[in-house]
Amino acid sequence: METGQTLPEPRSVSPPPPTTRLKSSASPPTASAPRQAAGRLSNLMVMRRYADLTLFTRYAVAWIYLVGVSAGEIVYTALPSHDQAALLAWASTNVHNLQHDPAGSLIASAFFPTEPAIWWPGLIALALFGANKVLGNWRTAAVCAAGHVIGTLVSEGILEYRVTHHALPAADRYILDVGPSYVVVAAIAVAIMYGSWLARAAAAADLALLTFVGDIFGGLSSLRVAAVGHVTAIAVGVIAGGLAVWQRRRAQAAGRGPAGAAAGQEPTVAAAGQEPTVAAGAAGGEGAAEGSRAADQAAQPRPPA
């Protein structure tokens, strides 16, 4: 070994770093469990409120009329007997009131039964909720209002004709003619003719109760006012309800038409002998091809000037 030669220093080997376990970024399940439970409960409450709101808005006409008739019965029951008679005399859609206050009597008479009955809310619910589901809100209101108004005008018009021709006494111009039955039977006609099987069953039960217990067609052969009005309201419900159903289905089909056309177009043939292509896709393909050709031309080297 030469004395001037230095030995290489031994390579220093650093010890391996201690292994460290990575901490999980997730919080312990015990800490997040109450928070997740609270979030689920909040979501359930929001969904329930939304479902309740949807149930009311979807059947708004049925709910409003049901509450209105119930409030009318409560008001009528709370009044003294002489005030009850005065209220019904004012709300009655007899010939005298129709000549002097047609709008007021037509509106008020639909909310005050001849005598309070606890079964009227049930009868209204059986008929109007089924019709409301078939027609929607404003169509249900229009058809039921038409049944009430036309049923009243036809029945009272026949009575006035008979009084004028001395077939009935003049005192019949002041008869008591109130109640929600014209509205109910118009809704029954809609539900039976155009509703689901459940709506038809409920409406049929409603009609059976009104026919055999309420005797709404009693005196039809002698042109009794109530019987004529009920038959007329049912006819209006069938005819106007059918028109309303047709109009609603047509509006729904028209609403789905543009959406379907925008989602996918039918294939069209640009020229004879060519494969069918979608118009929008063909236009886009031509634009992309032109852009590709322009890029290729720009990338080609130009000759020196």
Protein backbone atom coordinates (compact mmCIF):
# COMPACT_ATOMS: atom_id res chain seq x y z
CA MET A 1 0.00 0.00 0.00
CA GLU A 2 1.34 3.41 -0.96
CA THR A 3 1.45 5.97 1.77
CA GLY A 4 0.12 8.85 -0.38
CA GLN A 5 -3.05 6.98 -1.33
CA THR A 6 -6.14 7.75 0.69
CA LEU A 7 -8.69 5.15 1.44
CA PRO A 8 -12.30 5.84 0.42
CA GLU A 9 -14.56 6.77 3.21
CA PRO A 10 -17.07 4.12 4.11
CA ARG A 11 -20.55 4.75 2.68
CA SER A 12 -22.84 6.08 5.30
CA VAL A 13 -26.11 4.27 5.36
CA SER A 14 -28.93 6.19 6.98
CA PRO A 15 -31.35 4.12 8.99
CA PRO A 16 -34.77 3.64 7.40
CA PRO A 17 -37.30 6.18 8.51
CA PRO A 18 -39.74 4.93 11.04
CA THR A 19 -42.99 3.82 9.51
CA THR A 20 -45.84 6.10 10.38
CA ARG A 21 -49.46 5.10 10.06
CA LEU A 22 -51.48 7.57 8.03
CA LYS A 23 -54.36 9.04 9.90
CA SER A 24 -57.74 8.68 8.37
CA SER A 25 -59.38 11.94 7.44
CA ALA A 26 -62.80 10.54 8.25
CA SER A 27 -64.16 11.39 11.63
CA PRO A 28 -64.97 8.57 13.99
CA PRO A 29 -68.33 7.02 13.26
CA THR A 30 -69.52 7.71 16.74
CA ALA A 31 -69.09 11.45 16.26
CA SER A 32 -70.90 11.62 12.90
CA ALA A 33 -73.76 9.26 13.73
CA PRO A 34 -75.93 11.84 15.54
CA ARG A 35 -75.29 14.36 12.76
CA GLN A 36 -76.29 11.88 10.06
CA ALA A 37 -79.41 10.90 11.99
CA ALA A 38 -80.37 14.56 12.34
CA GLY A 39 -79.83 15.07 8.60
CA ARG A 40 -82.03 12.10 7.73
CA LEU A 41 -84.74 13.32 10.06
CA SER A 42 -84.60 16.79 8.51
CA ASN A 43 -84.89 15.30 5.02
CA LEU A 44 -87.86 13.20 6.06
CA MET A 45 -89.61 16.26 7.51
CA VAL A 46 -89.00 18.25 4.32
CA MET A 47 -90.31 15.40 2.17
CA ARG A 48 -93.40 15.05 4.34
CA ARG A 49 -94.15 18.77 4.12
CA TYR A 50 -93.70 18.63 0.36
CA ALA A 51 -96.03 15.62 0.13
CA ASP A 52 -98.66 17.41 2.22
CA LEU A 53 -98.39 20.53 0.08
CA THR A 54 -98.64 18.47 -3.10
CA LEU A 55 -101.71 16.66 -1.77
CA PHE A 56 -103.43 19.99 -1.11
CA THR A 57 -102.45 21.74 -4.35
CA ARG A 58 -103.34 18.73 -6.50
CA TYR A 59 -106.86 18.55 -5.00
CA ALA A 60 -107.25 22.23 -4.14
CA VAL A 61 -110.80 22.56 -5.50
CA ALA A 62 -112.05 19.52 -3.60
CA TRP A 63 -110.43 20.69 -0.35
CA ILE A 64 -111.69 24.28 -0.69
CA TYR A 65 -115.26 23.23 -1.43
CA LEU A 66 -115.23 20.65 1.35
CA VAL A 67 -114.04 23.24 3.87
CA GLY A 68 -116.49 25.83 2.53
CA VAL A 69 -119.56 23.59 2.92
CA SER A 70 -118.40 22.47 6.37
CA ALA A 71 -117.98 26.11 7.42
CA GLY A 72 -121.44 26.89 6.04
CA GLU A 73 -122.97 24.11 8.12
CA ILE A 74 -121.19 25.37 11.24
CA VAL A 75 -122.40 28.92 10.66
CA TYR A 76 -125.94 27.75 9.98
CA THR A 77 -126.03 25.60 13.11
CA ALA A 78 -124.75 28.45 15.30
CA LEU A 79 -127.51 30.86 14.21
CA PRO A 80 -130.88 31.20 15.95
CA SER A 81 -133.85 29.62 14.20
CA HIS A 82 -135.22 32.88 12.74
CA ASP A 83 -131.76 33.81 11.41
CA GLN A 84 -131.42 30.37 9.88
CA ALA A 85 -134.65 30.89 7.97
CA ALA A 86 -133.53 34.34 6.82
CA LEU A 87 -130.16 32.98 5.66
CA LEU A 88 -131.72 30.22 3.59
CA ALA A 89 -134.31 32.60 2.13
CA TRP A 90 -131.47 34.88 0.99
CA ALA A 91 -129.32 32.05 -0.41
CA SER A 92 -132.16 30.24 -2.18
CA THR A 93 -131.96 30.13 -5.99
CA ASN A 94 -135.69 30.53 -6.48
CA VAL A 95 -137.19 32.53 -9.32
CA HIS A 96 -137.51 35.69 -7.21
CA ASN A 97 -133.87 35.71 -6.09
CA LEU A 98 -132.58 34.82 -9.54
CA GLN A 99 -134.38 37.84 -10.90
CA HIS A 100 -133.06 40.24 -8.26
CA ASP A 101 -129.70 38.80 -7.07
CA PRO A 102 -128.63 35.99 -9.40
CA ALA A 103 -124.89 35.97 -8.61
CA GLY A 104 -125.27 36.11 -4.84
CA SER A 105 -127.91 33.41 -4.66
CA LEU A 106 -126.10 31.09 -7.08
CA ILE A 107 -122.88 31.29 -5.08
CA ALA A 108 -124.39 31.11 -1.60
CA SER A 109 -126.83 28.30 -2.34
CA ALA A 110 -123.97 25.91 -3.17
CA PHE A 111 -122.59 26.16 0.40
CA PHE A 112 -125.73 25.88 2.55
CA PRO A 113 -127.71 22.63 2.67
CA THR A 114 -131.42 22.73 3.34
CA GLU A 115 -130.74 21.40 6.81
CA PRO A 116 -127.37 20.62 8.39
CA ALA A 117 -126.23 17.04 7.85
CA ILE A 118 -122.99 15.57 9.04
CA TRP A 119 -122.82 13.28 6.02
CA TRP A 120 -122.46 16.08 3.45
CA PRO A 121 -118.64 16.36 3.85
CA GLY A 122 -118.34 12.63 3.19
CA LEU A 123 -120.56 12.82 0.11
CA ILE A 124 -118.55 15.75 -1.23
CA ALA A 125 -115.26 13.95 -0.64
CA LEU A 126 -116.40 10.77 -2.41
CA ALA A 127 -117.33 12.74 -5.53
CA LEU A 128 -115.00 15.69 -5.83
CA PHE A 129 -111.65 14.07 -5.12
CA GLY A 130 -112.19 11.58 -7.93
CA ALA A 131 -113.29 14.28 -10.36
CA ASN A 132 -110.45 16.54 -9.26
CA LYS A 133 -107.91 13.82 -10.06
CA VAL A 134 -109.36 13.38 -13.54
CA LEU A 135 -109.75 17.03 -14.55
CA GLY A 136 -107.30 19.01 -12.45
CA ASN A 137 -108.25 22.06 -10.44
CA TRP A 138 -109.62 24.71 -12.76
CA ARG A 139 -111.46 22.22 -15.00
CA THR A 140 -113.10 20.64 -11.96
CA ALA A 141 -114.22 24.05 -10.74
CA ALA A 142 -115.56 24.96 -14.19
CA VAL A 143 -117.48 21.70 -14.73
CA CYS A 144 -119.00 21.62 -11.23
CA ALA A 145 -119.93 25.31 -11.39
CA ALA A 146 -121.53 24.74 -14.78
CA GLY A 147 -123.51 21.82 -13.40
CA HIS A 148 -124.74 23.92 -10.48
CA VAL A 149 -125.61 26.99 -12.56
CA ILE A 150 -127.20 25.22 -15.54
CA GLY A 151 -129.07 22.76 -13.31
CA THR A 152 -130.50 25.69 -11.36
CA LEU A 153 -131.43 27.76 -14.39
CA VAL A 154 -133.10 24.87 -16.23
CA SER A 155 -135.13 23.67 -13.25
CA GLU A 156 -136.18 27.13 -12.13
CA GLY A 157 -136.84 28.16 -15.72
CA ILE A 158 -139.28 25.28 -16.13
CA LEU A 159 -140.95 26.27 -12.87
CA GLU A 160 -141.30 29.90 -14.01
CA TYR A 161 -142.78 28.76 -17.30
CA ARG A 162 -145.35 26.65 -15.50
CA VAL A 163 -146.20 29.46 -13.09
CA THR A 164 -146.61 31.88 -15.97
CA HIS A 165 -148.99 29.49 -17.69
CA HIS A 166 -150.94 28.92 -14.46
CA ALA A 167 -149.85 25.31 -14.07
CA LEU A 168 -148.37 26.14 -10.64
CA PRO A 169 -149.26 28.76 -8.03
CA ALA A 170 -147.39 32.06 -7.98
CA ALA A 171 -146.05 31.27 -4.50
CA ASP A 172 -143.71 28.70 -6.08
CA ARG A 173 -141.51 31.59 -7.22
CA TYR A 174 -140.35 31.77 -3.57
CA ILE A 175 -139.57 28.09 -2.92
CA LEU A 176 -136.48 27.06 -0.95
CA ASP A 177 -133.81 25.82 -3.36
CA VAL A 178 -130.38 25.49 -1.73
CA GLY A 179 -127.70 22.84 -1.26
CA PRO A 180 -124.49 21.42 -2.76
CA SER A 181 -126.18 18.47 -4.47
CA TYR A 182 -125.93 19.87 -8.03
CA VAL A 183 -122.19 20.32 -7.60
CA VAL A 184 -121.85 16.83 -6.15
CA VAL A 185 -123.81 15.02 -8.87
CA ALA A 186 -121.85 16.83 -11.60
CA ALA A 187 -118.62 15.60 -9.98
CA ILE A 188 -120.12 12.11 -9.64
CA ALA A 189 -120.82 12.03 -13.38
CA VAL A 190 -117.21 12.99 -14.16
CA ALA A 191 -115.75 10.41 -11.78
CA ILE A 192 -117.96 7.57 -13.03
CA MET A 193 -117.44 8.30 -16.71
CA TYR A 194 -113.75 9.22 -16.79
CA GLY A 195 -112.14 8.29 -13.45
CA SER A 196 -110.11 5.33 -12.26
CA TRP A 197 -111.78 2.21 -10.91
CA LEU A 198 -111.41 3.49 -7.34
CA ALA A 199 -112.92 6.87 -8.22
CA ARG A 200 -115.77 5.14 -10.06
CA ALA A 201 -116.52 2.88 -7.11
CA ALA A 202 -116.59 5.82 -4.68
CA ALA A 203 -118.77 7.90 -7.00
CA ALA A 204 -121.16 5.00 -7.59
CA ALA A 205 -121.57 4.52 -3.84
CA ASP A 206 -122.16 8.26 -3.52
CA LEU A 207 -124.82 8.22 -6.20
CA ALA A 208 -126.54 5.23 -4.61
CA LEU A 209 -126.75 7.02 -1.25
CA LEU A 210 -128.13 10.17 -2.83
CA THR A 211 -130.64 8.21 -4.90
CA PHE A 212 -132.02 5.74 -2.37
CA VAL A 213 -131.56 7.73 0.82
CA GLY A 214 -131.65 11.32 -0.39
CA ASP A 215 -134.31 10.65 -3.08
CA ILE A 216 -132.75 13.22 -5.41
CA PHE A 217 -134.78 12.01 -8.41
CA GLY A 218 -138.11 11.95 -6.59
CA GLY A 219 -140.86 13.74 -8.52
CA LEU A 220 -139.04 13.71 -11.86
CA SER A 221 -142.20 12.67 -13.71
CA SER A 222 -143.98 15.75 -12.38
CA LEU A 223 -141.00 18.03 -13.19
CA ARG A 224 -140.13 18.68 -9.58
CA VAL A 225 -137.42 21.36 -9.35
CA ALA A 226 -134.80 19.30 -7.48
CA ALA A 227 -135.21 16.22 -9.68
CA VAL A 228 -134.94 18.22 -12.91
CA GLY A 229 -131.91 20.08 -11.55
CA HIS A 230 -130.10 16.88 -10.63
CA VAL A 231 -130.70 15.27 -14.03
CA THR A 232 -129.49 18.44 -15.75
CA ALA A 233 -126.38 18.68 -13.58
CA ILE A 234 -125.48 15.07 -14.35
CA ALA A 235 -125.88 15.69 -18.08
CA VAL A 236 -123.66 18.77 -17.81
CA GLY A 237 -121.08 16.75 -15.90
CA VAL A 238 -120.99 14.07 -18.61
CA ILE A 239 -120.77 16.50 -21.55
CA ALA A 240 -118.58 19.21 -20.06
CA GLY A 241 -116.45 16.62 -18.28
CA GLY A 242 -115.81 14.81 -21.54
CA LEU A 243 -114.76 18.04 -23.23
CA ALA A 244 -112.50 18.90 -20.29
CA VAL A 245 -110.86 15.46 -20.35
CA TRP A 246 -110.25 15.74 -24.11
CA GLN A 247 -108.82 19.23 -23.74
CA ARG A 248 -106.52 18.20 -20.90
CA ARG A 249 -105.18 15.17 -22.77
CA ARG A 250 -104.62 17.31 -25.84
CA ALA A 251 -102.71 19.90 -23.78
CA GLN A 252 -100.58 17.17 -22.19
CA ALA A 253 -99.79 15.67 -25.59
CA ALA A 254 -98.85 19.10 -26.95
CA GLY A 255 -96.60 19.67 -23.95
CA ARG A 256 -94.79 16.40 -24.57
CA GLY A 257 -94.40 17.03 -28.31
CA PRO A 258 -91.65 19.72 -28.36
CA ALA A 259 -89.71 17.90 -25.66
CA GLY A 260 -89.69 14.70 -27.69
CA ALA A 261 -88.68 16.57 -30.84
CA ALA A 262 -85.80 18.28 -29.05
CA ALA A 263 -84.58 15.06 -27.45
CA GLY A 264 -84.25 13.16 -30.74
CA GLN A 265 -85.19 13.99 -34.32
CA GLU A 266 -86.45 11.54 -36.87
CA PRO A 267 -83.96 10.54 -39.56
CA THR A 268 -84.35 12.46 -42.81
CA VAL A 269 -82.92 11.67 -46.26
CA ALA A 270 -80.92 14.56 -47.67
CA ALA A 271 -80.99 13.34 -51.27
CA ALA A 272 -82.01 10.31 -53.26
CA GLY A 273 -79.71 7.34 -52.74
CA GLN A 274 -78.11 8.66 -49.54
CA GLU A 275 -78.32 7.01 -46.16
CA PRO A 276 -80.82 8.53 -43.71
CA THR A 277 -79.18 10.98 -41.30
CA VAL A 278 -80.37 13.15 -38.49
CA ALA A 279 -80.59 16.75 -39.65
CA ALA A 280 -78.87 18.28 -36.66
CA GLY A 281 -76.16 15.61 -36.67
CA ALA A 282 -75.52 16.04 -40.41
CA ALA A 283 -75.09 19.78 -40.03
CA GLY A 284 -72.67 19.27 -37.17
CA GLY A 285 -70.71 16.65 -39.15
CA GLU A 286 -70.33 18.97 -42.14
CA GLY A 287 -69.09 21.77 -39.92
CA ALA A 288 -66.55 19.47 -38.28
CA ALA A 289 -65.31 18.24 -41.69
CA GLU A 290 -64.83 21.79 -42.96
CA GLY A 291 -62.93 22.71 -39.82
CA SER A 292 -60.66 19.67 -40.22
CA ARG A 293 -59.88 20.55 -43.87
CA ALA A 294 -59.05 24.14 -42.93
CA ALA A 295 -56.68 22.94 -40.21
CA ASP A 296 -54.92 20.56 -42.64
CA GLN A 297 -54.42 23.34 -45.18
CA ALA A 298 -52.97 25.64 -42.53
CA ALA A 299 -50.53 22.93 -41.41
CA GLN A 300 -49.09 22.34 -44.92
CA PRO A 301 -45.71 24.13 -45.60
CA ARG A 302 -45.95 27.11 -47.95
CA PRO A 303 -43.42 27.54 -50.84
CA PRO A 304 -40.84 30.28 -50.30
CA ALA A 305 -41.70 33.62 -51.83
